[in-house]
Amino acid sequence: MAGCIFCKIINGEIESDIVFENDKIIAFRDLNPQAPIHILIIPRKHISRIEDLKKQDSSLMGDLVFAAKQIAVKMNVKGGYRLVFNNGSNAGQEVEHIHLHLLAGRKFTWPAG
């Protein structure tokens, strides 16, 4: 989608520190990390929000979670990690392109905030 910063990363228009990619997904380090390890995992297909998902996107969402597991293994994450989807501005979604945050490298508290 024109103007989407994540689509520009996917298309190679904006450089990023890519840690994982395949034909459906790309993952890169967050520019404003909230933990020592903070990776954004996004589908190559532009989907703005969770409510925009279609039934045919359900396996893609599973692929995002499985990619998070692969990234955690690749990065040798020990002691656990947090996976977060923010949906909408009130939930903290800043980029209108579905993305999964993988956060690790420190102890997290609950509630998340």
PDB file of N, CA and C in Angstrom:
ATOM      1  N   MET A   1       0.844  -1.184   0.000  1.00  0.00           N
ATOM      2  CA  MET A   1       0.000   0.000   0.000  1.00  0.00           C
ATOM      3  C   MET A   1       0.888   1.245   0.000  1.00  0.00           C
ATOM      4  N   ALA A   2       0.569   2.170  -0.830  1.00  0.00           N
ATOM      5  CA  ALA A   2       1.361   3.394  -0.958  1.00  0.00           C
ATOM      6  C   ALA A   2       1.430   4.136   0.379  1.00  0.00           C
ATOM      7  N   GLY A   3       2.615   4.556   0.746  1.00  0.00           N
ATOM      8  CA  GLY A   3       2.802   5.330   1.961  1.00  0.00           C
ATOM      9  C   GLY A   3       3.044   4.502   3.212  1.00  0.00           C
ATOM     10  N   CYS A   4       2.820   3.200   3.148  1.00  0.00           N
ATOM     11  CA  CYS A   4       3.021   2.339   4.322  1.00  0.00           C
ATOM     12  C   CYS A   4       4.518   2.086   4.503  1.00  0.00           C
ATOM     13  N   ILE A   5       5.043   2.474   5.648  1.00  0.00           N
ATOM     14  CA  ILE A   5       6.478   2.319   5.906  1.00  0.00           C
ATOM     15  C   ILE A   5       6.902   0.855   5.869  1.00  0.00           C
ATOM     16  N   PHE A   6       6.044  -0.045   6.350  1.00  0.00           N
ATOM     17  CA  PHE A   6       6.402  -1.465   6.322  1.00  0.00           C
ATOM     18  C   PHE A   6       6.401  -2.003   4.892  1.00  0.00           C
ATOM     19  N   CYS A   7       5.477  -1.541   4.068  1.00  0.00           N
ATOM     20  CA  CYS A   7       5.479  -1.948   2.654  1.00  0.00           C
ATOM     21  C   CYS A   7       6.748  -1.436   1.963  1.00  0.00           C
ATOM     22  N   LYS A   8       7.211  -0.258   2.356  1.00  0.00           N
ATOM     23  CA  LYS A   8       8.453   0.271   1.785  1.00  0.00           C
ATOM     24  C   LYS A   8       9.652  -0.578   2.210  1.00  0.00           C
ATOM     25  N   ILE A   9       9.643  -1.082   3.435  1.00  0.00           N
ATOM     26  CA  ILE A   9      10.703  -1.991   3.877  1.00  0.00           C
ATOM     27  C   ILE A   9      10.636  -3.281   3.068  1.00  0.00           C
ATOM     28  N   ILE A  10       9.450  -3.824   2.899  1.00  0.00           N
ATOM     29  CA  ILE A  10       9.260  -5.050   2.119  1.00  0.00           C
ATOM     30  C   ILE A  10       9.779  -4.869   0.702  1.00  0.00           C
ATOM     31  N   ASN A  11       9.506  -3.715   0.108  1.00  0.00           N
ATOM     32  CA  ASN A  11       9.909  -3.440  -1.275  1.00  0.00           C
ATOM     33  C   ASN A  11      11.361  -2.986  -1.408  1.00  0.00           C
ATOM     34  N   GLY A  12      12.084  -2.881  -0.297  1.00  0.00           N
ATOM     35  CA  GLY A  12      13.483  -2.487  -0.336  1.00  0.00           C
ATOM     36  C   GLY A  12      13.701  -0.994  -0.507  1.00  0.00           C
ATOM     37  N   GLU A  13      12.653  -0.197  -0.350  1.00  0.00           N
ATOM     38  CA  GLU A  13      12.757   1.257  -0.475  1.00  0.00           C
ATOM     39  C   GLU A  13      13.348   1.889   0.781  1.00  0.00           C
ATOM     40  N   ILE A  14      13.213   1.206   1.902  1.00  0.00           N
ATOM     41  CA  ILE A  14      13.761   1.662   3.181  1.00  0.00           C
ATOM     42  C   ILE A  14      14.603   0.527   3.732  1.00  0.00           C
ATOM     43  N   GLU A  15      15.825   0.833   4.152  1.00  0.00           N
ATOM     44  CA  GLU A  15      16.712  -0.164   4.735  1.00  0.00           C
ATOM     45  C   GLU A  15      16.256  -0.528   6.132  1.00  0.00           C
ATOM     46  N   SER A  16      16.472  -1.790   6.473  1.00  0.00           N
ATOM     47  CA  SER A  16      16.188  -2.235   7.831  1.00  0.00           C
ATOM     48  C   SER A  16      17.136  -3.381   8.171  1.00  0.00           C
ATOM     49  N   ASP A  17      17.224  -3.670   9.439  1.00  0.00           N
ATOM     50  CA  ASP A  17      18.075  -4.756   9.918  1.00  0.00           C
ATOM     51  C   ASP A  17      17.243  -6.038   9.935  1.00  0.00           C
ATOM     52  N   ILE A  18      17.197  -6.711   8.799  1.00  0.00           N
ATOM     53  CA  ILE A  18      16.362  -7.895   8.623  1.00  0.00           C
ATOM     54  C   ILE A  18      17.012  -9.091   9.321  1.00  0.00           C
ATOM     55  N   VAL A  19      16.197  -9.795  10.122  1.00  0.00           N
ATOM     56  CA  VAL A  19      16.694 -10.969  10.840  1.00  0.00           C
ATOM     57  C   VAL A  19      16.078 -12.265  10.322  1.00  0.00           C
ATOM     58  N   PHE A  20      15.012 -12.155   9.527  1.00  0.00           N
ATOM     59  CA  PHE A  20      14.328 -13.337   8.996  1.00  0.00           C
ATOM     60  C   PHE A  20      13.483 -12.898   7.815  1.00  0.00           C
ATOM     61  N   GLU A  21      13.426 -13.761   6.800  1.00  0.00           N
ATOM     62  CA  GLU A  21      12.472 -13.529   5.728  1.00  0.00           C
ATOM     63  C   GLU A  21      12.229 -14.806   4.960  1.00  0.00           C
ATOM     64  N   ASN A  22      11.029 -14.905   4.429  1.00  0.00           N
ATOM     65  CA  ASN A  22      10.671 -15.961   3.505  1.00  0.00           C
ATOM     66  C   ASN A  22       9.674 -15.380   2.505  1.00  0.00           C
ATOM     67  N   ASP A  23       8.987 -16.206   1.760  1.00  0.00           N
ATOM     68  CA  ASP A  23       8.099 -15.693   0.726  1.00  0.00           C
ATOM     69  C   ASP A  23       6.856 -15.005   1.274  1.00  0.00           C
ATOM     70  N   LYS A  24       6.510 -15.225   2.557  1.00  0.00           N
ATOM     71  CA  LYS A  24       5.302 -14.636   3.143  1.00  0.00           C
ATOM     72  C   LYS A  24       5.570 -13.579   4.206  1.00  0.00           C
ATOM     73  N   ILE A  25       6.761 -13.648   4.806  1.00  0.00           N
ATOM     74  CA  ILE A  25       7.034 -12.864   6.017  1.00  0.00           C
ATOM     75  C   ILE A  25       8.412 -12.221   5.939  1.00  0.00           C
ATOM     76  N   ILE A  26       8.518 -11.062   6.589  1.00  0.00           N
ATOM     77  CA  ILE A  26       9.813 -10.427   6.793  1.00  0.00           C
ATOM     78  C   ILE A  26       9.851  -9.946   8.248  1.00  0.00           C
ATOM     79  N   ALA A  27      11.014 -10.056   8.870  1.00  0.00           N
ATOM     80  CA  ALA A  27      11.161  -9.639  10.269  1.00  0.00           C
ATOM     81  C   ALA A  27      12.437  -8.822  10.409  1.00  0.00           C
ATOM     82  N   PHE A  28      12.355  -7.769  11.206  1.00  0.00           N
ATOM     83  CA  PHE A  28      13.478  -6.846  11.355  1.00  0.00           C
ATOM     84  C   PHE A  28      13.466  -6.239  12.745  1.00  0.00           C
ATOM     85  N   ARG A  29      14.619  -5.701  13.128  1.00  0.00           N
ATOM     86  CA  ARG A  29      14.750  -5.062  14.442  1.00  0.00           C
ATOM     87  C   ARG A  29      13.958  -3.754  14.477  1.00  0.00           C
ATOM     88  N   ASP A  30      13.272  -3.541  15.605  1.00  0.00           N
ATOM     89  CA  ASP A  30      12.510  -2.315  15.811  1.00  0.00           C
ATOM     90  C   ASP A  30      13.483  -1.154  16.007  1.00  0.00           C
ATOM     91  N   LEU A  31      13.196  -0.018  15.402  1.00  0.00           N
ATOM     92  CA  LEU A  31      14.055   1.167  15.537  1.00  0.00           C
ATOM     93  C   LEU A  31      13.941   1.820  16.910  1.00  0.00           C
ATOM     94  N   ASN A  32      12.850   1.525  17.620  1.00  0.00           N
ATOM     95  CA  ASN A  32      12.636   2.076  18.958  1.00  0.00           C
ATOM     96  C   ASN A  32      12.405   0.906  19.918  1.00  0.00           C
ATOM     97  N   PRO A  33      13.448   0.118  20.185  1.00  0.00           N
ATOM     98  CA  PRO A  33      13.246  -1.126  20.949  1.00  0.00           C
ATOM     99  C   PRO A  33      12.784  -0.887  22.377  1.00  0.00           C
ATOM    100  N   GLN A  34      11.856  -1.744  22.802  1.00  0.00           N
ATOM    101  CA  GLN A  34      11.332  -1.700  24.163  1.00  0.00           C
ATOM    102  C   GLN A  34      11.911  -2.819  25.026  1.00  0.00           C
ATOM    103  N   ALA A  35      12.848  -3.547  24.463  1.00  0.00           N
ATOM    104  CA  ALA A  35      13.550  -4.633  25.161  1.00  0.00           C
ATOM    105  C   ALA A  35      14.870  -4.845  24.435  1.00  0.00           C
ATOM    106  N   PRO A  36      15.827  -5.523  25.069  1.00  0.00           N
ATOM    107  CA  PRO A  36      17.100  -5.771  24.387  1.00  0.00           C
ATOM    108  C   PRO A  36      16.931  -6.467  23.028  1.00  0.00           C
ATOM    109  N   ILE A  37      15.955  -7.361  22.944  1.00  0.00           N
ATOM    110  CA  ILE A  37      15.591  -7.952  21.651  1.00  0.00           C
ATOM    111  C   ILE A  37      14.169  -7.496  21.354  1.00  0.00           C
ATOM    112  N   HIS A  38      13.999  -6.781  20.263  1.00  0.00           N
ATOM    113  CA  HIS A  38      12.669  -6.309  19.850  1.00  0.00           C
ATOM    114  C   HIS A  38      12.594  -6.422  18.342  1.00  0.00           C
ATOM    115  N   ILE A  39      11.884  -7.447  17.883  1.00  0.00           N
ATOM    116  CA  ILE A  39      11.768  -7.746  16.462  1.00  0.00           C
ATOM    117  C   ILE A  39      10.328  -7.532  16.021  1.00  0.00           C
ATOM    118  N   LEU A  40      10.151  -6.917  14.867  1.00  0.00           N
ATOM    119  CA  LEU A  40       8.833  -6.779  14.257  1.00  0.00           C
ATOM    120  C   LEU A  40       8.713  -7.831  13.163  1.00  0.00           C
ATOM    121  N   ILE A  41       7.645  -8.598  13.211  1.00  0.00           N
ATOM    122  CA  ILE A  41       7.408  -9.677  12.260  1.00  0.00           C
ATOM    123  C   ILE A  41       6.148  -9.311  11.485  1.00  0.00           C
ATOM    124  N   ILE A  42       6.289  -9.150  10.160  1.00  0.00           N
ATOM    125  CA  ILE A  42       5.164  -8.653   9.372  1.00  0.00           C
ATOM    126  C   ILE A  42       4.905  -9.549   8.159  1.00  0.00           C
ATOM    127  N   PRO A  43       3.646  -9.610   7.749  1.00  0.00           N
ATOM    128  CA  PRO A  43       3.362 -10.311   6.500  1.00  0.00           C
ATOM    129  C   PRO A  43       3.745  -9.421   5.322  1.00  0.00           C
ATOM    130  N   ARG A  44       4.197 -10.039   4.250  1.00  0.00           N
ATOM    131  CA  ARG A  44       4.480  -9.270   3.031  1.00  0.00           C
ATOM    132  C   ARG A  44       3.184  -8.706   2.446  1.00  0.00           C
ATOM    133  N   LYS A  45       2.089  -9.398   2.696  1.00  0.00           N
ATOM    134  CA  LYS A  45       0.770  -8.936   2.253  1.00  0.00           C
ATOM    135  C   LYS A  45       0.318  -7.798   3.171  1.00  0.00           C
ATOM    136  N   HIS A  46      -0.093  -6.685   2.583  1.00  0.00           N
ATOM    137  CA  HIS A  46      -0.558  -5.569   3.411  1.00  0.00           C
ATOM    138  C   HIS A  46      -1.956  -5.861   3.946  1.00  0.00           C
ATOM    139  N   ILE A  47      -2.040  -5.927   5.262  1.00  0.00           N
ATOM    140  CA  ILE A  47      -3.313  -6.015   5.976  1.00  0.00           C
ATOM    141  C   ILE A  47      -3.201  -4.977   7.075  1.00  0.00           C
ATOM    142  N   SER A  48      -4.097  -4.011   7.093  1.00  0.00           N
ATOM    143  CA  SER A  48      -3.968  -2.884   8.023  1.00  0.00           C
ATOM    144  C   SER A  48      -4.140  -3.271   9.482  1.00  0.00           C
ATOM    145  N   ARG A  49      -5.222  -3.991   9.778  1.00  0.00           N
ATOM    146  CA  ARG A  49      -5.561  -4.309  11.161  1.00  0.00           C
ATOM    147  C   ARG A  49      -6.135  -5.717  11.254  1.00  0.00           C
ATOM    148  N   ILE A  50      -6.222  -6.213  12.451  1.00  0.00           N
ATOM    149  CA  ILE A  50      -6.763  -7.551  12.654  1.00  0.00           C
ATOM    150  C   ILE A  50      -8.198  -7.651  12.142  1.00  0.00           C
ATOM    151  N   GLU A  51      -8.985  -6.619  12.321  1.00  0.00           N
ATOM    152  CA  GLU A  51     -10.372  -6.693  11.831  1.00  0.00           C
ATOM    153  C   GLU A  51     -10.460  -6.725  10.304  1.00  0.00           C
ATOM    154  N   ASP A  52      -9.371  -6.477   9.622  1.00  0.00           N
ATOM    155  CA  ASP A  52      -9.341  -6.564   8.159  1.00  0.00           C
ATOM    156  C   ASP A  52      -8.952  -7.952   7.653  1.00  0.00           C
ATOM    157  N   LEU A  53      -8.654  -8.874   8.579  1.00  0.00           N
ATOM    158  CA  LEU A  53      -8.292 -10.227   8.178  1.00  0.00           C
ATOM    159  C   LEU A  53      -9.467 -10.932   7.505  1.00  0.00           C
ATOM    160  N   LYS A  54      -9.137 -11.762   6.551  1.00  0.00           N
ATOM    161  CA  LYS A  54     -10.110 -12.626   5.880  1.00  0.00           C
ATOM    162  C   LYS A  54      -9.828 -14.060   6.323  1.00  0.00           C
ATOM    163  N   LYS A  55     -10.798 -14.935   6.142  1.00  0.00           N
ATOM    164  CA  LYS A  55     -10.631 -16.349   6.518  1.00  0.00           C
ATOM    165  C   LYS A  55      -9.362 -16.918   5.894  1.00  0.00           C
ATOM    166  N   GLN A  56      -9.079 -16.555   4.642  1.00  0.00           N
ATOM    167  CA  GLN A  56      -7.905 -17.097   3.946  1.00  0.00           C
ATOM    168  C   GLN A  56      -6.582 -16.590   4.546  1.00  0.00           C
ATOM    169  N   ASP A  57      -6.632 -15.603   5.434  1.00  0.00           N
ATOM    170  CA  ASP A  57      -5.425 -15.081   6.078  1.00  0.00           C
ATOM    171  C   ASP A  57      -5.068 -15.829   7.365  1.00  0.00           C
ATOM    172  N   SER A  58      -5.921 -16.751   7.800  1.00  0.00           N
ATOM    173  CA  SER A  58      -5.689 -17.396   9.096  1.00  0.00           C
ATOM    174  C   SER A  58      -4.376 -18.185   9.118  1.00  0.00           C
ATOM    175  N   SER A  59      -4.024 -18.853   8.037  1.00  0.00           N
ATOM    176  CA  SER A  59      -2.748 -19.589   8.050  1.00  0.00           C
ATOM    177  C   SER A  59      -1.565 -18.617   8.055  1.00  0.00           C
ATOM    178  N   LEU A  60      -1.718 -17.457   7.433  1.00  0.00           N
ATOM    179  CA  LEU A  60      -0.664 -16.447   7.444  1.00  0.00           C
ATOM    180  C   LEU A  60      -0.400 -15.971   8.872  1.00  0.00           C
ATOM    181  N   MET A  61      -1.444 -15.811   9.656  1.00  0.00           N
ATOM    182  CA  MET A  61      -1.266 -15.381  11.042  1.00  0.00           C
ATOM    183  C   MET A  61      -0.524 -16.453  11.844  1.00  0.00           C
ATOM    184  N   GLY A  62      -0.830 -17.710  11.570  1.00  0.00           N
ATOM    185  CA  GLY A  62      -0.079 -18.794  12.201  1.00  0.00           C
ATOM    186  C   GLY A  62       1.374 -18.776  11.776  1.00  0.00           C
ATOM    187  N   ASP A  63       1.612 -18.439  10.504  1.00  0.00           N
ATOM    188  CA  ASP A  63       2.989 -18.342  10.008  1.00  0.00           C
ATOM    189  C   ASP A  63       3.771 -17.262  10.753  1.00  0.00           C
ATOM    190  N   LEU A  64       3.100 -16.158  11.108  1.00  0.00           N
ATOM    191  CA  LEU A  64       3.783 -15.094  11.866  1.00  0.00           C
ATOM    192  C   LEU A  64       4.252 -15.619  13.226  1.00  0.00           C
ATOM    193  N   VAL A  65       3.378 -16.355  13.901  1.00  0.00           N
ATOM    194  CA  VAL A  65       3.729 -16.893  15.213  1.00  0.00           C
ATOM    195  C   VAL A  65       4.839 -17.940  15.075  1.00  0.00           C
ATOM    196  N   PHE A  66       4.752 -18.797  14.066  1.00  0.00           N
ATOM    197  CA  PHE A  66       5.793 -19.803  13.874  1.00  0.00           C
ATOM    198  C   PHE A  66       7.128 -19.132  13.529  1.00  0.00           C
ATOM    199  N   ALA A  67       7.093 -18.052  12.762  1.00  0.00           N
ATOM    200  CA  ALA A  67       8.319 -17.300  12.457  1.00  0.00           C
ATOM    201  C   ALA A  67       8.921 -16.746  13.744  1.00  0.00           C
ATOM    202  N   ALA A  68       8.070 -16.287  14.664  1.00  0.00           N
ATOM    203  CA  ALA A  68       8.572 -15.782  15.955  1.00  0.00           C
ATOM    204  C   ALA A  68       9.342 -16.873  16.688  1.00  0.00           C
ATOM    205  N   LYS A  69       8.815 -18.077  16.682  1.00  0.00           N
ATOM    206  CA  LYS A  69       9.498 -19.198  17.312  1.00  0.00           C
ATOM    207  C   LYS A  69      10.845 -19.452  16.647  1.00  0.00           C
ATOM    208  N   GLN A  70      10.877 -19.444  15.317  1.00  0.00           N
ATOM    209  CA  GLN A  70      12.126 -19.670  14.585  1.00  0.00           C
ATOM    210  C   GLN A  70      13.154 -18.581  14.887  1.00  0.00           C
ATOM    211  N   ILE A  71      12.695 -17.343  14.965  1.00  0.00           N
ATOM    212  CA  ILE A  71      13.590 -16.220  15.264  1.00  0.00           C
ATOM    213  C   ILE A  71      14.151 -16.351  16.677  1.00  0.00           C
ATOM    214  N   ALA A  72      13.289 -16.705  17.644  1.00  0.00           N
ATOM    215  CA  ALA A  72      13.749 -16.870  19.025  1.00  0.00           C
ATOM    216  C   ALA A  72      14.829 -17.948  19.113  1.00  0.00           C
ATOM    217  N   VAL A  73      14.655 -19.032  18.378  1.00  0.00           N
ATOM    218  CA  VAL A  73      15.661 -20.093  18.360  1.00  0.00           C
ATOM    219  C   VAL A  73      16.951 -19.576  17.722  1.00  0.00           C
ATOM    220  N   LYS A  74      16.804 -18.917  16.570  1.00  0.00           N
ATOM    221  CA  LYS A  74      17.971 -18.389  15.841  1.00  0.00           C
ATOM    222  C   LYS A  74      18.761 -17.394  16.690  1.00  0.00           C
ATOM    223  N   MET A  75      18.051 -16.583  17.491  1.00  0.00           N
ATOM    224  CA  MET A  75      18.697 -15.558  18.313  1.00  0.00           C
ATOM    225  C   MET A  75      19.089 -16.093  19.691  1.00  0.00           C
ATOM    226  N   ASN A  76      18.882 -17.389  19.904  1.00  0.00           N
ATOM    227  CA  ASN A  76      19.264 -18.036  21.147  1.00  0.00           C
ATOM    228  C   ASN A  76      18.613 -17.380  22.367  1.00  0.00           C
ATOM    229  N   VAL A  77      17.329 -17.048  22.246  1.00  0.00           N
ATOM    230  CA  VAL A  77      16.593 -16.429  23.344  1.00  0.00           C
ATOM    231  C   VAL A  77      16.420 -17.453  24.463  1.00  0.00           C
ATOM    232  N   LYS A  78      16.790 -17.068  25.651  1.00  0.00           N
ATOM    233  CA  LYS A  78      16.682 -17.927  26.833  1.00  0.00           C
ATOM    234  C   LYS A  78      15.731 -17.278  27.834  1.00  0.00           C
ATOM    235  N   GLY A  79      14.982 -18.086  28.550  1.00  0.00           N
ATOM    236  CA  GLY A  79      14.153 -17.581  29.641  1.00  0.00           C
ATOM    237  C   GLY A  79      12.797 -17.057  29.224  1.00  0.00           C
ATOM    238  N   GLY A  80      12.447 -17.164  27.954  1.00  0.00           N
ATOM    239  CA  GLY A  80      11.129 -16.747  27.502  1.00  0.00           C
ATOM    240  C   GLY A  80      11.135 -15.461  26.702  1.00  0.00           C
ATOM    241  N   TYR A  81      10.003 -15.202  26.114  1.00  0.00           N
ATOM    242  CA  TYR A  81       9.810 -13.995  25.315  1.00  0.00           C
ATOM    243  C   TYR A  81       8.331 -13.662  25.263  1.00  0.00           C
ATOM    244  N   ARG A  82       8.042 -12.444  24.898  1.00  0.00           N
ATOM    245  CA  ARG A  82       6.664 -11.968  24.793  1.00  0.00           C
ATOM    246  C   ARG A  82       6.342 -11.704  23.329  1.00  0.00           C
ATOM    247  N   LEU A  83       5.136 -12.118  22.914  1.00  0.00           N
ATOM    248  CA  LEU A  83       4.624 -11.813  21.586  1.00  0.00           C
ATOM    249  C   LEU A  83       3.414 -10.906  21.743  1.00  0.00           C
ATOM    250  N   VAL A  84       3.377  -9.810  20.951  1.00  0.00           N
ATOM    251  CA  VAL A  84       2.315  -8.821  21.102  1.00  0.00           C
ATOM    252  C   VAL A  84       1.821  -8.365  19.734  1.00  0.00           C
ATOM    253  N   PHE A  85       0.490  -8.370  19.577  1.00  0.00           N
ATOM    254  CA  PHE A  85      -0.166  -7.683  18.465  1.00  0.00           C
ATOM    255  C   PHE A  85      -0.872  -6.476  19.061  1.00  0.00           C
ATOM    256  N   ASN A  86      -0.598  -5.276  18.564  1.00  0.00           N
ATOM    257  CA  ASN A  86      -1.367  -4.091  18.917  1.00  0.00           C
ATOM    258  C   ASN A  86      -2.346  -3.861  17.777  1.00  0.00           C
ATOM    259  N   ASN A  87      -3.609  -3.595  18.102  1.00  0.00           N
ATOM    260  CA  ASN A  87      -4.632  -3.421  17.077  1.00  0.00           C
ATOM    261  C   ASN A  87      -5.394  -2.128  17.303  1.00  0.00           C
ATOM    262  N   GLY A  88      -5.074  -1.121  16.516  1.00  0.00           N
ATOM    263  CA  GLY A  88      -5.713   0.186  16.644  1.00  0.00           C
ATOM    264  C   GLY A  88      -4.900   1.129  17.509  1.00  0.00           C
ATOM    265  N   SER A  89      -5.157   2.404  17.354  1.00  0.00           N
ATOM    266  CA  SER A  89      -4.363   3.426  18.041  1.00  0.00           C
ATOM    267  C   SER A  89      -4.486   3.348  19.564  1.00  0.00           C
ATOM    268  N   ASN A  90      -5.657   3.006  20.097  1.00  0.00           N
ATOM    269  CA  ASN A  90      -5.810   2.899  21.549  1.00  0.00           C
ATOM    270  C   ASN A  90      -4.992   1.754  22.127  1.00  0.00           C
ATOM    271  N   ALA A  91      -4.647   0.790  21.302  1.00  0.00           N
ATOM    272  CA  ALA A  91      -3.834  -0.345  21.748  1.00  0.00           C
ATOM    273  C   ALA A  91      -2.351  -0.122  21.467  1.00  0.00           C
ATOM    274  N   GLY A  92      -2.007   1.010  20.856  1.00  0.00           N
ATOM    275  CA  GLY A  92      -0.609   1.323  20.598  1.00  0.00           C
ATOM    276  C   GLY A  92      -0.126   1.004  19.193  1.00  0.00           C
ATOM    277  N   GLN A  93      -1.044   0.638  18.278  1.00  0.00           N
ATOM    278  CA  GLN A  93      -0.615   0.370  16.909  1.00  0.00           C
ATOM    279  C   GLN A  93      -0.250   1.693  16.235  1.00  0.00           C
ATOM    280  N   GLU A  94       1.017   1.819  15.843  1.00  0.00           N
ATOM    281  CA  GLU A  94       1.497   3.050  15.222  1.00  0.00           C
ATOM    282  C   GLU A  94       1.574   2.950  13.705  1.00  0.00           C
ATOM    283  N   VAL A  95       1.737   1.740  13.176  1.00  0.00           N
ATOM    284  CA  VAL A  95       1.805   1.534  11.730  1.00  0.00           C
ATOM    285  C   VAL A  95       0.620   0.667  11.326  1.00  0.00           C
ATOM    286  N   GLU A  96      -0.158   1.145  10.378  1.00  0.00           N
ATOM    287  CA  GLU A  96      -1.346   0.424   9.915  1.00  0.00           C
ATOM    288  C   GLU A  96      -0.950  -0.692   8.948  1.00  0.00           C
ATOM    289  N   HIS A  97      -0.258  -1.672   9.478  1.00  0.00           N
ATOM    290  CA  HIS A  97       0.132  -2.901   8.777  1.00  0.00           C
ATOM    291  C   HIS A  97       0.331  -3.919   9.886  1.00  0.00           C
ATOM    292  N   ILE A  98      -0.465  -4.968   9.891  1.00  0.00           N
ATOM    293  CA  ILE A  98      -0.374  -5.962  10.967  1.00  0.00           C
ATOM    294  C   ILE A  98       1.079  -6.330  11.215  1.00  0.00           C
ATOM    295  N   HIS A  99       1.445  -6.351  12.483  1.00  0.00           N
ATOM    296  CA  HIS A  99       2.797  -6.760  12.849  1.00  0.00           C
ATOM    297  C   HIS A  99       2.798  -7.367  14.244  1.00  0.00           C
ATOM    298  N   LEU A 100       3.656  -8.338  14.388  1.00  0.00           N
ATOM    299  CA  LEU A 100       3.818  -9.048  15.652  1.00  0.00           C
ATOM    300  C   LEU A 100       5.143  -8.619  16.262  1.00  0.00           C
ATOM    301  N   HIS A 101       5.094  -8.179  17.520  1.00  0.00           N
ATOM    302  CA  HIS A 101       6.307  -7.817  18.247  1.00  0.00           C
ATOM    303  C   HIS A 101       6.824  -9.052  18.971  1.00  0.00           C
ATOM    304  N   LEU A 102       8.103  -9.324  18.817  1.00  0.00           N
ATOM    305  CA  LEU A 102       8.792 -10.331  19.628  1.00  0.00           C
ATOM    306  C   LEU A 102       9.735  -9.550  20.538  1.00  0.00           C
ATOM    307  N   LEU A 103       9.493  -9.662  21.842  1.00  0.00           N
ATOM    308  CA  LEU A 103      10.288  -8.941  22.839  1.00  0.00           C
ATOM    309  C   LEU A 103      10.951  -9.949  23.770  1.00  0.00           C
ATOM    310  N   ALA A 104      12.245  -9.741  24.014  1.00  0.00           N
ATOM    311  CA  ALA A 104      12.982 -10.664  24.877  1.00  0.00           C
ATOM    312  C   ALA A 104      14.210  -9.962  25.441  1.00  0.00           C
ATOM    313  N   GLY A 105      14.873 -10.669  26.353  1.00  0.00           N
ATOM    314  CA  GLY A 105      16.124 -10.151  26.897  1.00  0.00           C
ATOM    315  C   GLY A 105      15.987  -9.406  28.205  1.00  0.00           C
ATOM    316  N   ARG A 106      14.780  -9.365  28.747  1.00  0.00           N
ATOM    317  CA  ARG A 106      14.573  -8.772  30.068  1.00  0.00           C
ATOM    318  C   ARG A 106      13.324  -9.394  30.678  1.00  0.00           C
ATOM    319  N   LYS A 107      13.116  -9.192  31.953  1.00  0.00           N
ATOM    320  CA  LYS A 107      11.914  -9.692  32.627  1.00  0.00           C
ATOM    321  C   LYS A 107      10.772  -8.721  32.359  1.00  0.00           C
ATOM    322  N   PHE A 108       9.613  -9.279  32.041  1.00  0.00           N
ATOM    323  CA  PHE A 108       8.420  -8.463  31.789  1.00  0.00           C
ATOM    324  C   PHE A 108       7.464  -8.587  32.952  1.00  0.00           C
ATOM    325  N   THR A 109       6.674  -7.548  33.157  1.00  0.00           N
ATOM    326  CA  THR A 109       5.674  -7.564  34.227  1.00  0.00           C
ATOM    327  C   THR A 109       4.287  -7.640  33.605  1.00  0.00           C
ATOM    328  N   TRP A 110       3.304  -7.851  34.490  1.00  0.00           N
ATOM    329  CA  TRP A 110       1.919  -7.905  34.057  1.00  0.00           C
ATOM    330  C   TRP A 110       1.091  -7.172  35.084  1.00  0.00           C
ATOM    331  N   PRO A 111       0.113  -6.372  34.684  1.00  0.00           N
ATOM    332  CA  PRO A 111      -0.357  -6.189  33.314  1.00  0.00           C
ATOM    333  C   PRO A 111       0.622  -5.396  32.475  1.00  0.00           C
ATOM    334  N   ALA A 112       0.465  -5.574  31.174  1.00  0.00           N
ATOM    335  CA  ALA A 112       1.430  -5.010  30.222  1.00  0.00           C
ATOM    336  C   ALA A 112       1.412  -3.488  30.199  1.00  0.00           C
ATOM    337  N   GLY A 113       0.320  -2.862  30.472  1.00  0.00           N
ATOM    338  CA  GLY A 113       0.335  -1.410  30.511  1.00  0.00           C
ATOM    339  C   GLY A 113      -0.519  -0.824  29.492  1.00  0.00           C
TER     340      GLY A 113
END
